[in-house]
Amino acid sequence: MSSDSSQPGADNAQGNVPKWQPPRNTKGAGGTSPQVEKALVDVRSKIYPRSVKGVFARWRIWMVYLTQIIFYGLPWLEWHGRQAVLFDLLERKFYIFGMILWPQDVIYLTVLLLISAFSLFLFTAMAGRLFCGYACPQTVYTEIFMWVERKVEGDRLARIRLDEQAWNAKKLRLKATKHFLWVVIALWTGFTFIGYFAPIRELGGELIALSLGPWQWFWLLFYAFATWGNAGFMREAVCKYMCPYARFQSAMVDSDTFVVTYDFVRGEARGGRSRKIDHKEAGMGDCVDCSLCVQVCPTGIDIRDGLQYMCIGCGACVDVCDQVMDKMGYEKGLIRYTSERAIKERMTQPQVRRRMLRPRVISYILILAVICGAFVYTLATRTPMRVDVIRDRGALGREVPGGLIENVFRLQVINTSEEAMELQLSVTGLEGASIHLTENGQDRIHVAPAGNRLLPVVVQVPISSAKPGLYDISIQAVGEHEQGRKTYVNERSSFYIPK
């Protein structure tokens, strides 16, 4: 947010820079800027977030429940006698409820990535880092691990005192209990993760018998270690120093984006006071400078310094500030979700919401609508059969007994449905052309449910049907499913008649 020196609280150690803005990047005595020195101290300092209750805290808890029910529960769901969601890398099949995807369906993955990207752009343009604050795995698992930490070691002050005291039996017991629970959660998370790539029920039996494969052990322990390390130790460092989203979010927000914002016009000049005095007559703002907004922040920033890339938009500071305003008898919303323009122009929340549908947001919505519409349409009209025709380059064309010329092809047939299928082959494009399997001379193929067959076939034509040269042909495949439904696929290729 921009400022001028006429704002309250402008006199500080930095000259005419208001207190609610970060300090200017001036060089210190040793040639290092105060910002760099502060960042180096922050890296080495451990943050002890204080627990808080409120509207946004409840939203975070509900999102933890929702995301973890989906993550931990989805692999255990069954669909037609198999795991509902399974990414079978060995068989190269992705099962997603009633849909089976093959490597040839990578376009759907590409479209999903595009939808995810534009959804992120849309949410960020409208309301900042909503994903970071409520649904990011780093945030969710940090919230879970901190809940365990609070239950075992106590709230903020108790944890600080525990870390500062010398090692004794009580401290060892509490630390061991906390890490034991963390490791159990991390291992269960790693087990669930590999349960998306191998049948989880079989995986459970193999884990109990300690008979997992080498790669399964590797990914189980690797993912468990990453969860334990990121959520238990690194926490805010991932958001502040490792997450790329924090670095480019500023390109997606503008002065009309809803973000967690400190109302410096109301709040400055800040300072402690008695509830009995009229702070307005004393020339003071609504901020009592209690620093609770800093104590509850999971990344340890001071939201009163303005919008910072380290802010994950969790709203913890909003909840605790509203509680302080209640106790002081002041109006809530000193820290709130609003826009930069709203603070500068003193707009009401309805006025701010009306500005949310601006050209950038409308563009994202239209692009998302087109991509999602096309994605749903292609899935709805997707044929449950794929046929790929590959010419045999080793034998372009040859004469066989009976006055025939034949070309050899390889036919890859993929049944993407969960019903068995009988495939009838035919060929057009040349007079008298016929197609047969090389193994039995027939023109019918049986393909199992979710099956994949690679078969050599020959196309034969009479020598008298055409002159030497290269001709376009069309191979038709008619698939009849068990329930009587038929699927038609045409694949073009070429037929070579030698001289």
Protein backbone atom coordinates (compact mmCIF):
# COMPACT_ATOMS: atom_id res chain seq x y z
CA MET A 1 0.00 0.00 0.00
CA SER A 2 1.23 3.49 -0.75
CA SER A 3 1.51 6.17 1.88
CA ASP A 4 2.54 9.70 2.60
CA SER A 5 4.28 11.29 5.54
CA SER A 6 1.11 13.01 6.72
CA GLN A 7 -0.34 9.77 8.09
CA PRO A 8 -0.40 9.32 11.86
CA GLY A 9 2.60 7.61 13.30
CA ALA A 10 4.94 8.95 10.63
CA ASP A 11 7.75 9.89 13.01
CA ASN A 12 9.98 6.92 13.69
CA ALA A 13 13.58 5.87 13.42
CA GLN A 14 13.35 5.79 9.62
CA GLY A 15 12.34 9.44 9.26
CA ASN A 16 9.02 10.08 7.47
CA VAL A 17 8.15 6.39 6.96
CA PRO A 18 4.85 5.46 8.71
CA LYS A 19 4.97 2.71 11.29
CA TRP A 20 2.55 0.57 9.30
CA GLN A 21 4.97 0.39 6.36
CA PRO A 22 8.13 -1.75 6.19
CA PRO A 23 11.41 0.13 6.64
CA ARG A 24 13.25 1.51 3.64
CA ASN A 25 16.13 -0.57 2.31
CA THR A 26 18.94 1.56 3.72
CA LYS A 27 22.45 0.30 4.40
CA GLY A 28 23.59 -0.27 7.95
CA ALA A 29 27.01 0.43 9.39
CA GLY A 30 28.37 -2.88 8.17
CA GLY A 31 27.04 -2.42 4.65
CA THR A 32 24.07 -4.76 5.21
CA SER A 33 20.51 -3.44 5.00
CA PRO A 34 18.25 -3.77 8.08
CA GLN A 35 15.86 -5.91 6.01
CA VAL A 36 18.60 -8.43 5.24
CA GLU A 37 19.76 -8.47 8.86
CA LYS A 38 16.17 -9.02 10.05
CA ALA A 39 15.67 -11.82 7.49
CA LEU A 40 18.81 -13.59 8.71
CA VAL A 41 17.58 -13.34 12.31
CA ASP A 42 14.15 -14.63 11.28
CA VAL A 43 15.67 -17.71 9.62
CA ARG A 44 17.40 -18.65 12.86
CA SER A 45 14.44 -17.81 15.13
CA LYS A 46 11.78 -20.34 16.03
CA ILE A 47 8.18 -19.17 15.81
CA TYR A 48 5.71 -20.15 18.52
CA PRO A 49 2.24 -19.39 17.12
CA ARG A 50 -0.42 -18.74 19.69
CA SER A 51 -3.74 -20.57 19.40
CA VAL A 52 -6.74 -18.48 18.43
CA LYS A 53 -10.48 -18.97 18.05
CA GLY A 54 -12.77 -17.24 15.63
CA VAL A 55 -14.50 -17.40 12.26
CA PHE A 56 -11.38 -17.97 10.19
CA ALA A 57 -9.94 -20.44 12.69
CA ARG A 58 -13.12 -22.51 12.33
CA TRP A 59 -12.84 -22.36 8.55
CA ARG A 60 -9.26 -23.64 8.75
CA ILE A 61 -10.34 -26.53 11.00
CA TRP A 62 -13.16 -27.48 8.65
CA MET A 63 -10.77 -27.39 5.68
CA VAL A 64 -8.37 -29.66 7.58
CA TYR A 65 -11.23 -32.12 8.12
CA LEU A 66 -12.38 -31.89 4.51
CA THR A 67 -8.97 -32.28 2.86
CA GLN A 68 -7.88 -35.12 5.12
CA ILE A 69 -11.15 -37.04 4.79
CA ILE A 70 -10.67 -36.87 1.02
CA PHE A 71 -6.96 -37.73 1.11
CA TYR A 72 -7.10 -40.56 3.66
CA GLY A 73 -10.52 -41.91 2.65
CA LEU A 74 -10.42 -41.86 -1.15
CA PRO A 75 -8.09 -44.87 -1.63
CA TRP A 76 -10.40 -47.06 0.47
CA LEU A 77 -13.45 -46.47 -1.71
CA GLU A 78 -14.43 -49.28 -4.09
CA TRP A 79 -15.94 -49.01 -7.55
CA HIS A 80 -17.18 -52.08 -9.43
CA GLY A 81 -15.05 -54.39 -7.31
CA ARG A 82 -11.83 -52.39 -7.58
CA GLN A 83 -10.22 -49.39 -5.93
CA ALA A 84 -12.12 -46.27 -7.00
CA VAL A 85 -9.01 -44.09 -7.45
CA LEU A 86 -5.82 -45.90 -8.43
CA PHE A 87 -2.89 -44.74 -10.54
CA ASP A 88 -1.48 -48.09 -11.60
CA LEU A 89 1.94 -47.22 -13.01
CA LEU A 90 2.93 -50.84 -13.71
CA GLU A 91 -0.14 -51.48 -15.86
CA ARG A 92 -0.11 -47.87 -17.10
CA LYS A 93 -3.76 -47.36 -16.21
CA PHE A 94 -5.33 -44.58 -14.17
CA TYR A 95 -8.64 -45.56 -12.56
CA ILE A 96 -10.79 -42.60 -11.48
CA PHE A 97 -14.16 -43.98 -10.42
CA GLY A 98 -15.87 -45.07 -13.66
CA MET A 99 -13.20 -43.62 -15.95
CA ILE A 100 -10.05 -45.43 -17.06
CA LEU A 101 -7.25 -43.33 -18.51
CA TRP A 102 -4.27 -44.58 -20.51
CA PRO A 103 -0.97 -42.88 -21.43
CA GLN A 104 -2.65 -41.84 -24.70
CA ASP A 105 -5.08 -39.76 -22.61
CA VAL A 106 -2.37 -37.41 -21.36
CA ILE A 107 -4.34 -34.52 -22.92
CA TYR A 108 -6.81 -34.80 -20.04
CA LEU A 109 -4.00 -34.34 -17.54
CA THR A 110 -2.85 -31.27 -19.46
CA VAL A 111 -6.35 -29.79 -19.36
CA LEU A 112 -6.62 -30.50 -15.62
CA LEU A 113 -3.35 -28.64 -15.06
CA LEU A 114 -4.67 -25.70 -17.08
CA ILE A 115 -7.89 -25.66 -15.04
CA SER A 116 -5.86 -25.75 -11.80
CA ALA A 117 -3.61 -22.92 -12.98
CA PHE A 118 -6.43 -20.60 -14.05
CA SER A 119 -8.41 -21.42 -10.90
CA LEU A 120 -5.37 -20.35 -8.88
CA PHE A 121 -5.12 -17.13 -10.89
CA LEU A 122 -8.83 -16.45 -10.36
CA PHE A 123 -8.84 -17.09 -6.61
CA THR A 124 -5.68 -15.04 -6.12
CA ALA A 125 -7.00 -12.10 -8.16
CA MET A 126 -10.21 -12.12 -6.11
CA ALA A 127 -9.06 -12.96 -2.59
CA GLY A 128 -5.29 -13.39 -2.42
CA ARG A 129 -3.68 -16.57 -1.10
CA LEU A 130 -6.84 -18.49 -0.16
CA PHE A 131 -5.28 -21.78 -1.24
CA CYS A 132 -2.22 -21.16 0.94
CA GLY A 133 -4.24 -20.28 4.01
CA TYR A 134 -6.79 -23.08 3.92
CA ALA A 135 -6.01 -25.95 1.51
CA CYS A 136 -2.25 -26.09 0.88
CA PRO A 137 -0.81 -29.41 2.19
CA GLN A 138 1.95 -27.49 3.97
CA THR A 139 -0.62 -25.38 5.82
CA VAL A 140 -2.93 -28.32 6.57
CA TYR A 141 -0.25 -30.62 7.97
CA THR A 142 1.38 -27.78 9.89
CA GLU A 143 -2.02 -27.13 11.48
CA ILE A 144 -2.32 -30.84 12.40
CA PHE A 145 1.19 -31.01 13.84
CA MET A 146 0.72 -27.77 15.82
CA TRP A 147 -2.54 -29.13 17.25
CA VAL A 148 -0.63 -32.20 18.48
CA GLU A 149 2.11 -29.93 19.84
CA ARG A 150 -0.38 -27.79 21.77
CA LYS A 151 -2.11 -30.86 23.23
CA VAL A 152 1.20 -32.36 24.41
CA GLU A 153 3.30 -29.32 25.36
CA GLY A 154 0.72 -26.59 25.93
CA ASP A 155 0.09 -23.22 24.30
CA ARG A 156 2.66 -20.63 23.26
CA LEU A 157 4.13 -19.57 26.62
CA ALA A 158 4.27 -23.17 27.88
CA ARG A 159 6.18 -24.25 24.77
CA ILE A 160 8.62 -21.35 25.07
CA ARG A 161 9.32 -22.18 28.72
CA LEU A 162 9.72 -25.88 27.90
CA ASP A 163 12.29 -25.17 25.18
CA GLU A 164 14.23 -22.78 27.41
CA GLN A 165 14.48 -25.08 30.40
CA ALA A 166 17.23 -27.69 30.83
CA TRP A 167 16.63 -31.26 29.79
CA ASN A 168 14.92 -33.37 32.45
CA ALA A 169 12.56 -36.36 32.62
CA LYS A 170 9.43 -34.26 32.01
CA LYS A 171 10.87 -32.47 28.99
CA LEU A 172 12.14 -35.74 27.53
CA ARG A 173 8.73 -37.36 28.03
CA LEU A 174 6.84 -34.51 26.39
CA LYS A 175 9.22 -34.23 23.45
CA ALA A 176 9.24 -38.01 22.89
CA THR A 177 5.43 -38.15 23.02
CA LYS A 178 5.10 -35.30 20.55
CA HIS A 179 7.54 -36.80 18.06
CA PHE A 180 6.02 -40.26 18.42
CA LEU A 181 2.61 -38.87 17.45
CA TRP A 182 4.15 -36.85 14.63
CA VAL A 183 5.91 -39.94 13.24
CA VAL A 184 2.70 -42.00 13.42
CA ILE A 185 0.81 -39.33 11.45
CA ALA A 186 3.68 -39.02 8.96
CA LEU A 187 3.91 -42.79 8.39
CA TRP A 188 0.16 -43.07 7.91
CA THR A 189 0.37 -40.20 5.42
CA GLY A 190 3.19 -41.94 3.53
CA PHE A 191 1.24 -45.21 3.50
CA THR A 192 -1.84 -43.45 2.14
CA PHE A 193 0.25 -41.72 -0.51
CA ILE A 194 1.60 -44.94 -1.99
CA GLY A 195 -1.93 -46.39 -1.63
CA TYR A 196 -2.88 -44.22 -4.61
CA PHE A 197 -0.33 -46.09 -6.76
CA ALA A 198 -0.79 -49.65 -5.48
CA PRO A 199 -3.98 -51.37 -4.24
CA ILE A 200 -4.18 -50.11 -0.67
CA ARG A 201 -5.82 -53.20 0.84
CA GLU A 202 -3.09 -55.47 -0.48
CA LEU A 203 -0.56 -52.85 0.56
CA GLY A 204 -1.82 -52.96 4.14
CA GLY A 205 -1.27 -56.72 4.36
CA GLU A 206 2.20 -56.39 2.86
CA LEU A 207 3.06 -53.62 5.33
CA ILE A 208 1.96 -55.72 8.32
CA ALA A 209 4.05 -58.62 6.98
CA LEU A 210 6.95 -56.19 6.24
CA SER A 211 7.05 -57.49 2.66
CA LEU A 212 6.79 -54.23 0.72
CA GLY A 213 8.94 -53.82 -2.37
CA PRO A 214 12.07 -51.64 -2.33
CA TRP A 215 10.42 -48.73 -4.11
CA GLN A 216 7.35 -48.96 -1.91
CA TRP A 217 9.54 -48.78 1.21
CA PHE A 218 11.44 -45.86 -0.30
CA TRP A 219 8.36 -43.77 -1.09
CA LEU A 220 6.65 -44.64 2.19
CA LEU A 221 9.65 -43.48 4.24
CA PHE A 222 10.49 -40.57 1.95
CA TYR A 223 6.97 -39.10 2.05
CA ALA A 224 6.71 -39.73 5.79
CA PHE A 225 10.06 -38.01 6.37
CA ALA A 226 9.02 -35.06 4.18
CA THR A 227 5.75 -34.68 6.11
CA TRP A 228 7.51 -34.92 9.49
CA GLY A 229 10.24 -32.47 8.47
CA ASN A 230 8.10 -29.90 6.66
CA ALA A 231 5.17 -29.79 9.10
CA GLY A 232 7.16 -30.40 12.27
CA PHE A 233 10.29 -28.31 11.76
CA MET A 234 10.39 -26.20 8.60
CA ARG A 235 6.80 -24.93 8.78
CA GLU A 236 6.84 -21.23 7.94
CA ALA A 237 10.24 -21.52 6.23
CA VAL A 238 8.58 -23.45 3.39
CA CYS A 239 6.06 -20.63 2.89
CA LYS A 240 8.61 -17.84 3.25
CA TYR A 241 11.68 -19.17 1.44
CA MET A 242 10.78 -22.22 -0.64
CA CYS A 243 7.26 -21.75 -2.05
CA PRO A 244 7.38 -20.20 -5.55
CA TYR A 245 3.75 -19.09 -5.29
CA ALA A 246 4.74 -16.58 -2.60
CA ARG A 247 7.13 -14.96 -5.06
CA PHE A 248 4.82 -14.42 -8.03
CA GLN A 249 1.52 -13.78 -6.23
CA SER A 250 2.18 -10.03 -6.40
CA ALA A 251 1.75 -10.22 -10.18
CA MET A 252 -1.81 -11.51 -9.70
CA VAL A 253 -3.12 -9.09 -7.06
CA ASP A 254 -4.09 -5.46 -7.51
CA SER A 255 -5.64 -2.68 -5.46
CA ASP A 256 -9.09 -4.34 -5.63
CA THR A 257 -8.02 -7.79 -4.42
CA PHE A 258 -9.41 -8.94 -1.08
CA VAL A 259 -6.46 -9.57 1.24
CA VAL A 260 -5.85 -9.53 4.98
CA THR A 261 -5.30 -5.82 5.57
CA TYR A 262 -4.52 -3.57 8.53
CA ASP A 263 -6.60 -0.38 8.52
CA PHE A 264 -3.82 2.10 9.25
CA VAL A 265 -6.18 5.06 8.94
CA ARG A 266 -8.17 3.74 11.91
CA GLY A 267 -5.29 2.17 13.77
CA GLU A 268 -2.57 4.82 13.83
CA ALA A 269 -1.14 6.18 16.01
CA ARG A 270 -1.01 2.95 17.94
CA GLY A 271 -0.20 2.50 21.60
CA GLY A 272 -1.35 1.07 24.92
CA ARG A 273 -4.11 2.78 26.84
CA SER A 274 -6.78 2.28 29.48
CA ARG A 275 -10.28 1.35 28.40
CA LYS A 276 -11.59 4.24 30.47
CA ILE A 277 -10.00 7.02 28.42
CA ASP A 278 -11.27 8.46 25.13
CA HIS A 279 -8.39 7.48 22.88
CA LYS A 280 -9.65 9.70 20.07
CA GLU A 281 -9.30 12.80 22.24
CA ALA A 282 -5.84 11.58 23.23
CA GLY A 283 -4.85 11.49 19.54
CA MET A 284 -4.54 7.73 19.40
CA GLY A 285 -5.83 5.21 16.89
CA ASP A 286 -7.70 1.98 17.60
CA CYS A 287 -4.57 -0.23 17.61
CA VAL A 288 -3.55 -0.91 21.22
CA ASP A 289 -0.18 -2.31 20.09
CA CYS A 290 -0.78 -5.61 21.93
CA SER A 291 1.25 -7.59 19.32
CA LEU A 292 -1.25 -10.49 19.46
CA CYS A 293 -1.59 -10.31 15.67
CA VAL A 294 2.12 -11.16 15.47
CA GLN A 295 1.90 -13.92 18.10
CA VAL A 296 -0.86 -15.83 16.27
CA CYS A 297 0.71 -15.49 12.81
CA PRO A 298 2.05 -18.86 11.60
CA THR A 299 4.77 -17.12 9.57
CA GLY A 300 5.63 -14.61 12.30
CA ILE A 301 5.01 -11.41 10.33
CA ASP A 302 3.45 -8.15 11.51
CA ILE A 303 0.45 -7.46 9.28
CA ARG A 304 0.63 -3.81 10.39
CA ASP A 305 3.73 -3.43 8.21
CA GLY A 306 1.50 -3.77 5.13
CA LEU A 307 0.91 -6.59 2.64
CA GLN A 308 3.91 -8.95 2.56
CA TYR A 309 4.63 -11.96 0.38
CA MET A 310 5.04 -14.12 3.53
CA CYS A 311 1.37 -13.61 4.48
CA ILE A 312 -0.58 -16.78 3.67
CA GLY A 313 -3.98 -15.16 4.19
CA CYS A 314 -5.07 -17.50 6.99
CA GLY A 315 -6.97 -14.78 8.87
CA ALA A 316 -5.59 -15.66 12.34
CA CYS A 317 -4.70 -12.02 12.94
CA VAL A 318 -8.25 -11.01 11.98
CA ASP A 319 -9.73 -13.34 14.61
CA VAL A 320 -7.47 -12.22 17.45
CA CYS A 321 -7.76 -8.52 16.59
CA ASP A 322 -11.56 -8.74 16.61
CA GLN A 323 -11.36 -10.26 20.09
CA VAL A 324 -9.20 -7.36 21.30
CA MET A 325 -11.56 -4.82 19.73
CA ASP A 326 -14.45 -6.50 21.55
CA LYS A 327 -12.67 -6.23 24.89
CA MET A 328 -11.82 -2.58 24.30
CA GLY A 329 -15.35 -1.76 23.13
CA TYR A 330 -14.14 -0.66 19.69
CA GLU A 331 -15.59 -1.52 16.30
CA LYS A 332 -14.34 -4.78 14.81
CA GLY A 333 -12.45 -4.91 11.55
CA LEU A 334 -9.24 -3.07 12.37
CA ILE A 335 -7.62 -6.01 10.61
CA ARG A 336 -9.96 -7.52 8.03
CA TYR A 337 -10.33 -8.99 4.58
CA THR A 338 -10.64 -5.99 2.30
CA SER A 339 -8.79 -4.25 -0.53
CA GLU A 340 -6.13 -1.58 -0.68
CA ARG A 341 -8.54 0.73 -2.47
CA ALA A 342 -11.10 0.28 0.31
CA ILE A 343 -8.61 1.48 2.94
CA LYS A 344 -7.47 4.48 0.91
CA GLU A 345 -10.90 5.60 -0.26
CA ARG A 346 -12.78 4.50 2.90
CA MET A 347 -15.14 2.28 0.94
CA THR A 348 -17.77 0.05 2.54
CA GLN A 349 -17.63 -3.72 2.13
CA PRO A 350 -20.58 -3.79 -0.35
CA GLN A 351 -18.75 -1.19 -2.46
CA VAL A 352 -15.58 -3.30 -2.37
CA ARG A 353 -17.46 -6.46 -3.40
CA ARG A 354 -18.97 -4.69 -6.40
CA ARG A 355 -15.46 -4.03 -7.68
CA MET A 356 -14.49 -7.69 -7.53
CA LEU A 357 -15.91 -8.41 -11.01
CA ARG A 358 -13.32 -6.37 -12.87
CA PRO A 359 -11.89 -7.15 -16.36
CA ARG A 360 -9.09 -9.39 -15.08
CA VAL A 361 -11.46 -11.53 -13.00
CA ILE A 362 -14.05 -11.72 -15.79
CA SER A 363 -11.32 -12.85 -18.22
CA TYR A 364 -10.26 -15.66 -15.87
CA ILE A 365 -13.88 -16.74 -15.41
CA LEU A 366 -14.53 -16.84 -19.16
CA ILE A 367 -11.33 -18.77 -19.88
CA LEU A 368 -12.14 -21.23 -17.09
CA ALA A 369 -15.70 -21.65 -18.36
CA VAL A 370 -14.48 -22.44 -21.90
CA ILE A 371 -11.80 -24.90 -20.73
CA CYS A 372 -14.14 -26.64 -18.25
CA GLY A 373 -16.92 -26.83 -20.83
CA ALA A 374 -14.60 -28.37 -23.40
CA PHE A 375 -13.21 -30.77 -20.79
CA VAL A 376 -16.65 -31.98 -19.73
CA TYR A 377 -17.79 -32.31 -23.35
CA THR A 378 -14.78 -34.38 -24.39
CA LEU A 379 -15.19 -36.65 -21.37
CA ALA A 380 -18.91 -37.09 -22.06
CA THR A 381 -18.32 -37.94 -25.74
CA ARG A 382 -15.15 -39.95 -25.16
CA THR A 383 -15.21 -43.26 -27.00
CA PRO A 384 -14.57 -46.31 -24.79
CA MET A 385 -12.27 -47.80 -27.44
CA ARG A 386 -8.99 -46.70 -28.99
CA VAL A 387 -7.41 -48.24 -32.07
CA ASP A 388 -3.93 -47.30 -33.28
CA VAL A 389 -2.65 -48.63 -36.61
CA ILE A 390 1.13 -48.91 -37.09
CA ARG A 391 2.66 -50.01 -40.39
CA ASP A 392 5.29 -52.75 -40.32
CA ARG A 393 8.29 -50.91 -41.81
CA GLY A 394 10.18 -54.18 -42.33
CA ALA A 395 7.83 -55.41 -45.06
CA LEU A 396 6.12 -52.67 -47.06
CA GLY A 397 4.36 -54.97 -49.48
CA ARG A 398 4.73 -58.52 -50.74
CA GLU A 399 3.05 -60.95 -53.10
CA VAL A 400 1.52 -64.07 -51.55
CA PRO A 401 -0.06 -67.19 -53.09
CA GLY A 402 -3.52 -66.72 -54.53
CA GLY A 403 -2.68 -63.63 -56.58
CA LEU A 404 -2.74 -61.31 -53.59
CA ILE A 405 -0.64 -58.41 -52.32
CA GLU A 406 -0.46 -58.03 -48.56
CA ASN A 407 0.80 -55.40 -46.16
CA VAL A 408 1.49 -56.11 -42.49
CA PHE A 409 0.24 -53.76 -39.74
CA ARG A 410 0.33 -53.75 -35.97
CA LEU A 411 -2.99 -53.00 -34.36
CA GLN A 412 -3.10 -51.70 -30.79
CA VAL A 413 -6.60 -51.97 -29.34
CA ILE A 414 -7.40 -50.38 -25.97
CA ASN A 415 -10.70 -51.05 -24.22
CA THR A 416 -11.24 -48.10 -21.85
CA SER A 417 -14.50 -49.48 -20.46
CA GLU A 418 -15.06 -52.05 -17.73
CA GLU A 419 -16.94 -54.42 -20.05
CA ALA A 420 -15.49 -57.12 -22.29
CA MET A 421 -15.68 -56.29 -25.98
CA GLU A 422 -15.75 -58.18 -29.30
CA LEU A 423 -14.08 -56.27 -32.10
CA GLN A 424 -15.01 -56.74 -35.78
CA LEU A 425 -12.43 -55.48 -38.29
CA SER A 426 -12.96 -54.38 -41.89
CA VAL A 427 -11.07 -52.32 -44.47
CA THR A 428 -12.09 -49.97 -47.29
CA GLY A 429 -10.25 -47.94 -49.89
CA LEU A 430 -9.22 -50.65 -52.34
CA GLU A 431 -11.46 -53.01 -54.28
CA GLY A 432 -11.47 -56.54 -52.87
CA ALA A 433 -9.42 -55.60 -49.76
CA SER A 434 -9.70 -57.81 -46.65
CA ILE A 435 -8.13 -57.79 -43.20
CA HIS A 436 -7.14 -60.77 -41.04
CA LEU A 437 -5.24 -61.55 -37.86
CA THR A 438 -1.95 -63.24 -38.66
CA GLU A 439 -2.30 -65.68 -35.76
CA ASN A 440 -5.63 -67.27 -36.77
CA GLY A 441 -6.76 -65.64 -40.00
CA GLN A 442 -9.94 -64.26 -38.43
CA ASP A 443 -11.22 -60.70 -38.39
CA ARG A 444 -12.63 -60.70 -34.84
CA ILE A 445 -10.78 -59.77 -31.65
CA HIS A 446 -11.77 -60.29 -28.01
CA VAL A 447 -10.61 -57.54 -25.67
CA ALA A 448 -10.95 -57.93 -21.89
CA PRO A 449 -12.37 -55.16 -19.65
CA ALA A 450 -9.82 -52.33 -19.38
CA GLY A 451 -7.68 -54.48 -21.65
CA ASN A 452 -4.94 -53.66 -24.12
CA ARG A 453 -3.97 -55.87 -27.05
CA LEU A 454 -1.20 -55.44 -29.62
CA LEU A 455 -1.87 -57.71 -32.60
CA PRO A 456 -0.27 -58.14 -36.03
CA VAL A 457 -2.80 -58.02 -38.87
CA VAL A 458 -2.50 -58.29 -42.67
CA VAL A 459 -4.46 -56.42 -45.30
CA GLN A 460 -4.69 -58.26 -48.62
CA VAL A 461 -5.88 -57.05 -52.01
CA PRO A 462 -5.93 -58.81 -55.42
CA ILE A 463 -2.99 -57.93 -57.67
CA SER A 464 -5.42 -56.87 -60.39
CA SER A 465 -7.26 -54.36 -58.16
CA ALA A 466 -4.81 -51.45 -58.63
CA LYS A 467 -1.56 -50.36 -60.23
CA PRO A 468 1.70 -50.23 -58.25
CA GLY A 469 1.87 -47.31 -55.85
CA LEU A 470 0.75 -46.05 -52.43
CA TYR A 471 -2.99 -45.93 -51.66
CA ASP A 472 -4.99 -44.55 -48.75
CA ILE A 473 -7.08 -47.10 -46.89
CA SER A 474 -9.37 -46.94 -43.86
CA ILE A 475 -9.47 -49.66 -41.20
CA GLN A 476 -12.80 -49.81 -39.39
CA ALA A 477 -13.26 -51.38 -35.98
CA VAL A 478 -16.72 -52.05 -34.57
CA GLY A 479 -16.67 -52.91 -30.89
CA GLU A 480 -19.68 -54.71 -29.41
CA HIS A 481 -19.82 -54.58 -25.61
CA GLU A 482 -21.41 -57.13 -23.31
CA GLN A 483 -24.50 -54.99 -22.85
CA GLY A 484 -25.05 -54.69 -26.60
CA ARG A 485 -23.66 -51.17 -26.96
CA LYS A 486 -21.54 -50.63 -30.08
CA THR A 487 -18.55 -48.37 -30.65
CA TYR A 488 -17.22 -47.38 -34.07
CA VAL A 489 -13.64 -46.28 -34.80
CA ASN A 490 -12.03 -45.48 -38.18
CA GLU A 491 -8.26 -45.25 -38.56
CA ARG A 492 -6.60 -44.14 -41.78
CA SER A 493 -3.40 -45.73 -43.08
CA SER A 494 -1.73 -46.51 -46.43
CA PHE A 495 -1.34 -49.63 -48.54
CA TYR A 496 1.70 -50.19 -50.74
CA ILE A 497 1.55 -52.19 -53.98
CA PRO A 498 5.08 -52.96 -55.24
CA LYS A 499 6.06 -53.03 -58.92
